[in-house]
């Protein structure tokens, strides 16, 4: 199954076009362009995960600087680069969070399968744009409401104190991240 999504970035300006393929694995291919924190970006990324929504591989390319990163996860939260160099500081992270996309919220939302009012803290590999720097970031997701056509989750960055209530559709894709992202279009074939 193929799903195409376009998100509008509201904090700064930008657009993202994501192509999501779901079969035995889940594969995302996306291009995001825009401006954030006074800098322009043009980022291409690919993410592969299993049917359990645990990220197996992420590739990010900064098309303005030609810098790229490839990270591989052994499904237990042990991360290496494409040359098999270990990142001990990322140990235990099962998800990734790329600053300029709401798509990466889909991984923990679908993987955790939280019940209504249930909450869970997680650690993610956080990629900051521009610059393609990375670090471990502690987050919490709480399933706070089931509406007719969407669910609402409270997202918390446990490191910075930032919180937001995000709406997702039946596929776990963000439809509204208030003041930051809004889904502009979606089509599933």
Foldseek 3Di string as FASTA:
>chain_A
DWKWFWKFFQQFGKIKIWIWDDDQKIKIWMWIWGDHPRRTWTKIKMWIGGPLLFTAKIKIATPVVRDIWIWGDPQQQWIATPVRHTDPQRRQARFAAEPQDQASQLSCCSNVVDDAQDKDKGWHWYAYPDPRDTGIWIKMWTFHDDDDFWTWIWIAGPVPGDIFIFIAGPSSGTQDGDSTMHIPDMDDD
